[in-house]
Amino acid sequence: MRELKWALAALVVAGFAAALAGEETWKPEGEGWIQLFNGKDLSGWKFKGGTNTSWSVKDGELVNTKPEEKGKHGVDIFTEQTFRDFQLHIEFKVPKGGNSGVYLRGRKEIQVHDSFGVEKPGTGHCGGLYSKAGARVNACKPAGEWNSFDVTIVGDTITVHHNGQLIHDKVELVGCTGGALDGDDTKPGPLMLQGDHSSVSYRNIWIKPLAAKEKPKEKE
């Protein structure tokens, strides 16, 4: 019996350690989901400008480390695959004062930011559709803790849940936000993660392209 208790305790500790290490803890429901980050290397990703100056894989996490050398900066990273309408699940962790962003199709940014405690979030705070619409509630966790976005984009209409809370409900975002990969939003584009501002970590990045029959009805 004592050996069994120790074995169970070891399993609990191992599971907790795995969570701390950033190993995969989220699994998609249903079919059609594509894992964009494998937790092992940078396969399937490219770098804005062509050269990687800041991204690496550590403990199952996609990590952007801000260069310490004066005049140096990180770069944005984006998927080789392109998408039009889709559902997305992504998890992120920012340090104190951290600033990054998730670009849908490489052109429409959902702000990733250390915004814990902000009473009235604006377009530049976490979850904001940058320069377009602030989150309806601040669902941001303290710096250093994991957050999640669950996103649906169909045409120009975007719905976002942040840590399970609805922060954008079929908000229309026409055109591109600042820092976009290009200016042509009529075609599919990659998922892009901003890396030129600060250090940031991502994990559990899954996307599901939407067929016509799966797309939710537009907001009336």
C-alpha atoms as a PDB file:
ATOM      1  CA  MET A   1       0.000   0.000   0.000  1.00  0.00           C
ATOM      2  CA  ARG A   2       2.826   2.391   0.881  1.00  0.00           C
ATOM      3  CA  GLU A   3       4.478   1.718  -2.474  1.00  0.00           C
ATOM      4  CA  LEU A   4       1.182   2.458  -4.261  1.00  0.00           C
ATOM      5  CA  LYS A   5       0.819   5.784  -2.441  1.00  0.00           C
ATOM      6  CA  TRP A   6       4.349   6.782  -3.402  1.00  0.00           C
ATOM      7  CA  ALA A   7       3.687   5.798  -7.003  1.00  0.00           C
ATOM      8  CA  LEU A   8       0.514   7.897  -7.105  1.00  0.00           C
ATOM      9  CA  ALA A   9       2.323  10.824  -5.504  1.00  0.00           C
ATOM     10  CA  ALA A  10       5.073  10.549  -8.095  1.00  0.00           C
ATOM     11  CA  LEU A  11       2.495  10.671 -10.887  1.00  0.00           C
ATOM     12  CA  VAL A  12       0.926  13.819  -9.420  1.00  0.00           C
ATOM     13  CA  VAL A  13       4.306  15.521  -9.114  1.00  0.00           C
ATOM     14  CA  ALA A  14       5.243  14.484 -12.641  1.00  0.00           C
ATOM     15  CA  GLY A  15       1.985  15.864 -14.008  1.00  0.00           C
ATOM     16  CA  PHE A  16       2.456  19.153 -12.182  1.00  0.00           C
ATOM     17  CA  ALA A  17       6.034  19.403 -13.424  1.00  0.00           C
ATOM     18  CA  ALA A  18       4.871  18.763 -16.976  1.00  0.00           C
ATOM     19  CA  ALA A  19       2.366  21.596 -16.697  1.00  0.00           C
ATOM     20  CA  LEU A  20       5.045  23.936 -15.379  1.00  0.00           C
ATOM     21  CA  ALA A  21       7.319  22.909 -18.226  1.00  0.00           C
ATOM     22  CA  GLY A  22       4.699  23.979 -20.744  1.00  0.00           C
ATOM     23  CA  GLU A  23       3.892  20.571 -22.143  1.00  0.00           C
ATOM     24  CA  GLU A  24       0.680  20.207 -24.084  1.00  0.00           C
ATOM     25  CA  THR A  25      -2.393  20.365 -21.854  1.00  0.00           C
ATOM     26  CA  TRP A  26      -5.099  21.338 -24.374  1.00  0.00           C
ATOM     27  CA  LYS A  27      -6.671  18.953 -26.851  1.00  0.00           C
ATOM     28  CA  PRO A  28      -9.114  20.000 -29.586  1.00  0.00           C
ATOM     29  CA  GLU A  29     -12.590  18.523 -29.752  1.00  0.00           C
ATOM     30  CA  GLY A  30     -13.840  17.189 -33.055  1.00  0.00           C
ATOM     31  CA  GLU A  31     -12.062  16.769 -36.367  1.00  0.00           C
ATOM     32  CA  GLY A  32     -10.274  19.151 -38.680  1.00  0.00           C
ATOM     33  CA  TRP A  33      -7.851  20.763 -36.228  1.00  0.00           C
ATOM     34  CA  ILE A  34      -4.243  21.398 -37.268  1.00  0.00           C
ATOM     35  CA  GLN A  35      -1.406  21.685 -34.750  1.00  0.00           C
ATOM     36  CA  LEU A  36       0.704  24.663 -35.852  1.00  0.00           C
ATOM     37  CA  PHE A  37       3.452  24.329 -33.219  1.00  0.00           C
ATOM     38  CA  ASN A  38       4.777  20.854 -32.443  1.00  0.00           C
ATOM     39  CA  GLY A  39       6.499  21.804 -29.171  1.00  0.00           C
ATOM     40  CA  LYS A  40       9.856  20.514 -30.432  1.00  0.00           C
ATOM     41  CA  ASP A  41      11.199  22.786 -33.168  1.00  0.00           C
ATOM     42  CA  LEU A  42      10.310  25.631 -35.537  1.00  0.00           C
ATOM     43  CA  SER A  43       9.103  23.414 -38.370  1.00  0.00           C
ATOM     44  CA  GLY A  44       6.333  25.090 -40.364  1.00  0.00           C
ATOM     45  CA  TRP A  45       7.309  28.653 -39.418  1.00  0.00           C
ATOM     46  CA  LYS A  46       9.022  31.531 -41.232  1.00  0.00           C
ATOM     47  CA  PHE A  47      10.439  34.864 -40.099  1.00  0.00           C
ATOM     48  CA  LYS A  48       9.516  38.358 -41.207  1.00  0.00           C
ATOM     49  CA  GLY A  49      12.557  39.646 -43.050  1.00  0.00           C
ATOM     50  CA  GLY A  50      13.845  36.099 -43.479  1.00  0.00           C
ATOM     51  CA  THR A  51      16.205  35.888 -40.481  1.00  0.00           C
ATOM     52  CA  ASN A  52      15.488  34.525 -37.003  1.00  0.00           C
ATOM     53  CA  THR A  53      16.989  36.772 -34.325  1.00  0.00           C
ATOM     54  CA  SER A  54      14.899  35.882 -31.286  1.00  0.00           C
ATOM     55  CA  TRP A  55      12.698  32.755 -31.473  1.00  0.00           C
ATOM     56  CA  SER A  56      13.488  29.330 -30.008  1.00  0.00           C
ATOM     57  CA  VAL A  57      11.807  26.302 -28.459  1.00  0.00           C
ATOM     58  CA  LYS A  58      12.257  25.764 -24.715  1.00  0.00           C
ATOM     59  CA  ASP A  59      10.453  23.165 -22.591  1.00  0.00           C
ATOM     60  CA  GLY A  60       7.710  22.747 -25.174  1.00  0.00           C
ATOM     61  CA  GLU A  61       7.131  26.486 -25.534  1.00  0.00           C
ATOM     62  CA  LEU A  62       7.613  28.782 -28.518  1.00  0.00           C
ATOM     63  CA  VAL A  63       9.742  31.490 -26.906  1.00  0.00           C
ATOM     64  CA  ASN A  64      10.664  34.945 -28.141  1.00  0.00           C
ATOM     65  CA  THR A  65      13.627  36.423 -26.244  1.00  0.00           C
ATOM     66  CA  LYS A  66      14.268  40.123 -26.671  1.00  0.00           C
ATOM     67  CA  PRO A  67      17.922  40.643 -27.721  1.00  0.00           C
ATOM     68  CA  GLU A  68      19.982  42.393 -25.045  1.00  0.00           C
ATOM     69  CA  GLU A  69      22.404  44.032 -27.468  1.00  0.00           C
ATOM     70  CA  LYS A  70      21.627  47.700 -28.075  1.00  0.00           C
ATOM     71  CA  GLY A  71      20.065  48.329 -31.464  1.00  0.00           C
ATOM     72  CA  LYS A  72      18.993  44.709 -31.890  1.00  0.00           C
ATOM     73  CA  HIS A  73      15.373  43.608 -31.870  1.00  0.00           C
ATOM     74  CA  GLY A  74      13.294  40.496 -32.341  1.00  0.00           C
ATOM     75  CA  VAL A  75      11.285  39.564 -35.417  1.00  0.00           C
ATOM     76  CA  ASP A  76       7.747  38.456 -36.170  1.00  0.00           C
ATOM     77  CA  ILE A  77       7.202  34.765 -36.895  1.00  0.00           C
ATOM     78  CA  PHE A  78       4.474  33.336 -39.134  1.00  0.00           C
ATOM     79  CA  THR A  79       3.199  29.994 -40.383  1.00  0.00           C
ATOM     80  CA  GLU A  80       4.044  28.547 -43.771  1.00  0.00           C
ATOM     81  CA  GLN A  81       0.396  27.569 -44.170  1.00  0.00           C
ATOM     82  CA  THR A  82      -2.211  30.205 -44.968  1.00  0.00           C
ATOM     83  CA  PHE A  83      -5.853  30.375 -43.900  1.00  0.00           C
ATOM     84  CA  ARG A  84      -9.000  32.371 -44.613  1.00  0.00           C
ATOM     85  CA  ASP A  85     -11.844  31.565 -42.207  1.00  0.00           C
ATOM     86  CA  PHE A  86     -10.994  29.524 -39.129  1.00  0.00           C
ATOM     87  CA  GLN A  87     -11.170  28.806 -35.432  1.00  0.00           C
ATOM     88  CA  LEU A  88      -7.996  29.258 -33.402  1.00  0.00           C
ATOM     89  CA  HIS A  89      -6.831  28.208 -29.956  1.00  0.00           C
ATOM     90  CA  ILE A  90      -3.591  29.711 -28.680  1.00  0.00           C
ATOM     91  CA  GLU A  91      -1.993  30.134 -25.252  1.00  0.00           C
ATOM     92  CA  PHE A  92       0.489  32.840 -24.285  1.00  0.00           C
ATOM     93  CA  LYS A  93       2.512  34.143 -21.358  1.00  0.00           C
ATOM     94  CA  VAL A  94       4.004  37.631 -21.087  1.00  0.00           C
ATOM     95  CA  PRO A  95       6.524  39.033 -18.590  1.00  0.00           C
ATOM     96  CA  LYS A  96       5.982  42.229 -16.607  1.00  0.00           C
ATOM     97  CA  GLY A  97       5.354  44.969 -19.150  1.00  0.00           C
ATOM     98  CA  GLY A  98       5.290  42.428 -21.989  1.00  0.00           C
ATOM     99  CA  ASN A  99       3.847  43.285 -25.396  1.00  0.00           C
ATOM    100  CA  SER A 100       3.152  41.016 -28.374  1.00  0.00           C
ATOM    101  CA  GLY A 101       0.296  40.238 -30.723  1.00  0.00           C
ATOM    102  CA  VAL A 102      -1.527  37.502 -32.625  1.00  0.00           C
ATOM    103  CA  TYR A 103      -2.153  38.442 -36.261  1.00  0.00           C
ATOM    104  CA  LEU A 104      -5.060  36.662 -37.942  1.00  0.00           C
ATOM    105  CA  ARG A 105      -4.176  36.074 -41.614  1.00  0.00           C
ATOM    106  CA  GLY A 106      -1.033  38.043 -40.768  1.00  0.00           C
ATOM    107  CA  ARG A 107      -3.089  41.260 -40.918  1.00  0.00           C
ATOM    108  CA  LYS A 108      -5.571  41.658 -38.052  1.00  0.00           C
ATOM    109  CA  GLU A 109      -3.912  41.904 -34.627  1.00  0.00           C
ATOM    110  CA  ILE A 110      -5.309  40.732 -31.322  1.00  0.00           C
ATOM    111  CA  GLN A 111      -3.169  42.451 -28.720  1.00  0.00           C
ATOM    112  CA  VAL A 112      -1.097  40.361 -26.290  1.00  0.00           C
ATOM    113  CA  HIS A 113      -0.094  42.575 -23.384  1.00  0.00           C
ATOM    114  CA  ASP A 114       0.564  42.672 -19.645  1.00  0.00           C
ATOM    115  CA  SER A 115      -2.771  44.317 -18.794  1.00  0.00           C
ATOM    116  CA  PHE A 116      -3.692  42.690 -15.479  1.00  0.00           C
ATOM    117  CA  GLY A 117      -5.707  45.049 -13.288  1.00  0.00           C
ATOM    118  CA  VAL A 118      -6.600  47.557 -16.014  1.00  0.00           C
ATOM    119  CA  GLU A 119     -10.184  48.659 -15.293  1.00  0.00           C
ATOM    120  CA  LYS A 120     -11.157  49.913 -18.742  1.00  0.00           C
ATOM    121  CA  PRO A 121      -9.145  48.073 -21.399  1.00  0.00           C
ATOM    122  CA  GLY A 122      -8.481  49.953 -24.616  1.00  0.00           C
ATOM    123  CA  THR A 123      -7.429  48.812 -28.052  1.00  0.00           C
ATOM    124  CA  GLY A 124      -3.791  48.525 -26.942  1.00  0.00           C
ATOM    125  CA  HIS A 125      -4.505  46.338 -23.921  1.00  0.00           C
ATOM    126  CA  CYS A 126      -4.654  42.548 -23.879  1.00  0.00           C
ATOM    127  CA  GLY A 127      -7.394  41.185 -26.106  1.00  0.00           C
ATOM    128  CA  GLY A 128      -7.886  44.437 -27.972  1.00  0.00           C
ATOM    129  CA  LEU A 129      -8.327  44.407 -31.733  1.00  0.00           C
ATOM    130  CA  TYR A 130      -5.406  46.767 -32.129  1.00  0.00           C
ATOM    131  CA  SER A 131      -6.416  50.377 -32.893  1.00  0.00           C
ATOM    132  CA  LYS A 132      -9.968  49.181 -33.643  1.00  0.00           C
ATOM    133  CA  ALA A 133     -11.846  47.831 -30.597  1.00  0.00           C
ATOM    134  CA  GLY A 134     -11.024  47.242 -26.938  1.00  0.00           C
ATOM    135  CA  ALA A 135     -12.045  44.079 -25.098  1.00  0.00           C
ATOM    136  CA  ARG A 136     -15.467  44.314 -23.441  1.00  0.00           C
ATOM    137  CA  VAL A 137     -13.953  42.941 -20.198  1.00  0.00           C
ATOM    138  CA  ASN A 138     -10.389  42.560 -18.916  1.00  0.00           C
ATOM    139  CA  ALA A 139      -9.746  38.832 -18.565  1.00  0.00           C
ATOM    140  CA  CYS A 140      -5.953  39.144 -18.387  1.00  0.00           C
ATOM    141  CA  LYS A 141      -4.049  37.104 -15.803  1.00  0.00           C
ATOM    142  CA  PRO A 142      -0.999  38.472 -13.940  1.00  0.00           C
ATOM    143  CA  ALA A 143       2.327  38.642 -15.770  1.00  0.00           C
ATOM    144  CA  GLY A 144       4.033  35.254 -15.910  1.00  0.00           C
ATOM    145  CA  GLU A 145       0.782  33.240 -15.987  1.00  0.00           C
ATOM    146  CA  TRP A 146      -0.675  31.445 -18.994  1.00  0.00           C
ATOM    147  CA  ASN A 147      -3.603  32.979 -20.893  1.00  0.00           C
ATOM    148  CA  SER A 148      -5.669  31.604 -23.763  1.00  0.00           C
ATOM    149  CA  PHE A 149      -7.467  33.040 -26.778  1.00  0.00           C
ATOM    150  CA  ASP A 150     -10.199  31.132 -28.601  1.00  0.00           C
ATOM    151  CA  VAL A 151     -10.957  32.939 -31.833  1.00  0.00           C
ATOM    152  CA  THR A 152     -13.380  32.586 -34.718  1.00  0.00           C
ATOM    153  CA  ILE A 153     -12.861  34.698 -37.839  1.00  0.00           C
ATOM    154  CA  VAL A 154     -15.242  34.599 -40.808  1.00  0.00           C
ATOM    155  CA  GLY A 155     -14.741  37.268 -43.428  1.00  0.00           C
ATOM    156  CA  ASP A 156     -14.196  40.488 -41.474  1.00  0.00           C
ATOM    157  CA  THR A 157     -16.125  39.276 -38.410  1.00  0.00           C
ATOM    158  CA  ILE A 158     -14.187  38.255 -35.300  1.00  0.00           C
ATOM    159  CA  THR A 159     -15.289  36.589 -32.050  1.00  0.00           C
ATOM    160  CA  VAL A 160     -12.781  36.165 -29.214  1.00  0.00           C
ATOM    161  CA  HIS A 161     -12.905  34.419 -25.845  1.00  0.00           C
ATOM    162  CA  HIS A 162     -10.050  35.308 -23.477  1.00  0.00           C
ATOM    163  CA  ASN A 163      -9.533  32.750 -20.716  1.00  0.00           C
ATOM    164  CA  GLY A 164     -13.082  31.570 -21.386  1.00  0.00           C
ATOM    165  CA  GLN A 165     -14.657  35.036 -21.204  1.00  0.00           C
ATOM    166  CA  LEU A 166     -16.301  36.594 -24.257  1.00  0.00           C
ATOM    167  CA  ILE A 167     -14.420  39.806 -25.085  1.00  0.00           C
ATOM    168  CA  HIS A 168     -15.466  40.350 -28.738  1.00  0.00           C
ATOM    169  CA  ASP A 169     -18.790  39.158 -30.153  1.00  0.00           C
ATOM    170  CA  LYS A 170     -18.822  39.134 -33.960  1.00  0.00           C
ATOM    171  CA  VAL A 171     -16.975  42.432 -34.184  1.00  0.00           C
ATOM    172  CA  GLU A 172     -16.399  43.673 -37.729  1.00  0.00           C
ATOM    173  CA  LEU A 173     -12.781  44.570 -38.466  1.00  0.00           C
ATOM    174  CA  VAL A 174     -12.384  45.693 -42.066  1.00  0.00           C
ATOM    175  CA  GLY A 175      -8.876  45.955 -43.481  1.00  0.00           C
ATOM    176  CA  CYS A 176      -5.534  45.537 -41.735  1.00  0.00           C
ATOM    177  CA  THR A 177      -4.145  46.756 -38.416  1.00  0.00           C
ATOM    178  CA  GLY A 178      -0.692  48.271 -37.937  1.00  0.00           C
ATOM    179  CA  GLY A 179       2.297  45.976 -38.392  1.00  0.00           C
ATOM    180  CA  ALA A 180       0.496  43.678 -40.832  1.00  0.00           C
ATOM    181  CA  LEU A 181       2.492  41.267 -42.967  1.00  0.00           C
ATOM    182  CA  ASP A 182       0.991  42.837 -46.090  1.00  0.00           C
ATOM    183  CA  GLY A 183      -1.946  45.041 -47.052  1.00  0.00           C
ATOM    184  CA  ASP A 184      -4.084  42.649 -49.098  1.00  0.00           C
ATOM    185  CA  ASP A 185      -6.810  41.222 -46.872  1.00  0.00           C
ATOM    186  CA  THR A 186      -8.746  39.755 -49.792  1.00  0.00           C
ATOM    187  CA  LYS A 187      -6.663  36.575 -49.748  1.00  0.00           C
ATOM    188  CA  PRO A 188      -5.796  33.918 -47.144  1.00  0.00           C
ATOM    189  CA  GLY A 189      -2.846  34.617 -44.886  1.00  0.00           C
ATOM    190  CA  PRO A 190      -0.718  32.970 -42.185  1.00  0.00           C
ATOM    191  CA  LEU A 191      -0.970  33.141 -38.433  1.00  0.00           C
ATOM    192  CA  MET A 192       1.679  35.634 -37.332  1.00  0.00           C
ATOM    193  CA  LEU A 193       3.065  36.246 -33.840  1.00  0.00           C
ATOM    194  CA  GLN A 194       4.662  39.583 -33.025  1.00  0.00           C
ATOM    195  CA  GLY A 195       8.228  39.365 -31.763  1.00  0.00           C
ATOM    196  CA  ASP A 196       9.739  42.825 -32.220  1.00  0.00           C
ATOM    197  CA  HIS A 197       8.477  44.383 -28.950  1.00  0.00           C
ATOM    198  CA  SER A 198       9.283  42.163 -25.956  1.00  0.00           C
ATOM    199  CA  SER A 199       9.877  38.638 -24.759  1.00  0.00           C
ATOM    200  CA  VAL A 200       6.836  36.341 -24.859  1.00  0.00           C
ATOM    201  CA  SER A 201       5.996  32.618 -24.827  1.00  0.00           C
ATOM    202  CA  TYR A 202       3.339  30.686 -26.768  1.00  0.00           C
ATOM    203  CA  ARG A 203       2.114  27.093 -26.678  1.00  0.00           C
ATOM    204  CA  ASN A 204      -0.835  24.881 -27.710  1.00  0.00           C
ATOM    205  CA  ILE A 205      -1.412  26.584 -31.056  1.00  0.00           C
ATOM    206  CA  TRP A 206      -4.222  24.865 -32.960  1.00  0.00           C
ATOM    207  CA  ILE A 207      -6.270  26.025 -35.945  1.00  0.00           C
ATOM    208  CA  LYS A 208      -9.363  24.645 -37.663  1.00  0.00           C
ATOM    209  CA  PRO A 209     -10.131  25.926 -41.177  1.00  0.00           C
ATOM    210  CA  LEU A 210     -13.874  26.414 -41.560  1.00  0.00           C
ATOM    211  CA  ALA A 211     -15.833  24.935 -44.431  1.00  0.00           C
ATOM    212  CA  ALA A 212     -18.909  26.857 -45.577  1.00  0.00           C
ATOM    213  CA  LYS A 213     -21.308  24.576 -43.677  1.00  0.00           C
ATOM    214  CA  GLU A 214     -19.363  25.089 -40.423  1.00  0.00           C
ATOM    215  CA  LYS A 215     -19.315  28.881 -40.492  1.00  0.00           C
ATOM    216  CA  PRO A 216     -21.528  30.608 -37.907  1.00  0.00           C
ATOM    217  CA  LYS A 217     -24.218  32.947 -39.178  1.00  0.00           C
ATOM    218  CA  GLU A 218     -23.222  36.583 -39.537  1.00  0.00           C
ATOM    219  CA  LYS A 219     -24.459  38.991 -36.873  1.00  0.00           C
ATOM    220  CA  GLU A 220     -27.704  40.643 -37.928  1.00  0.00           C
END
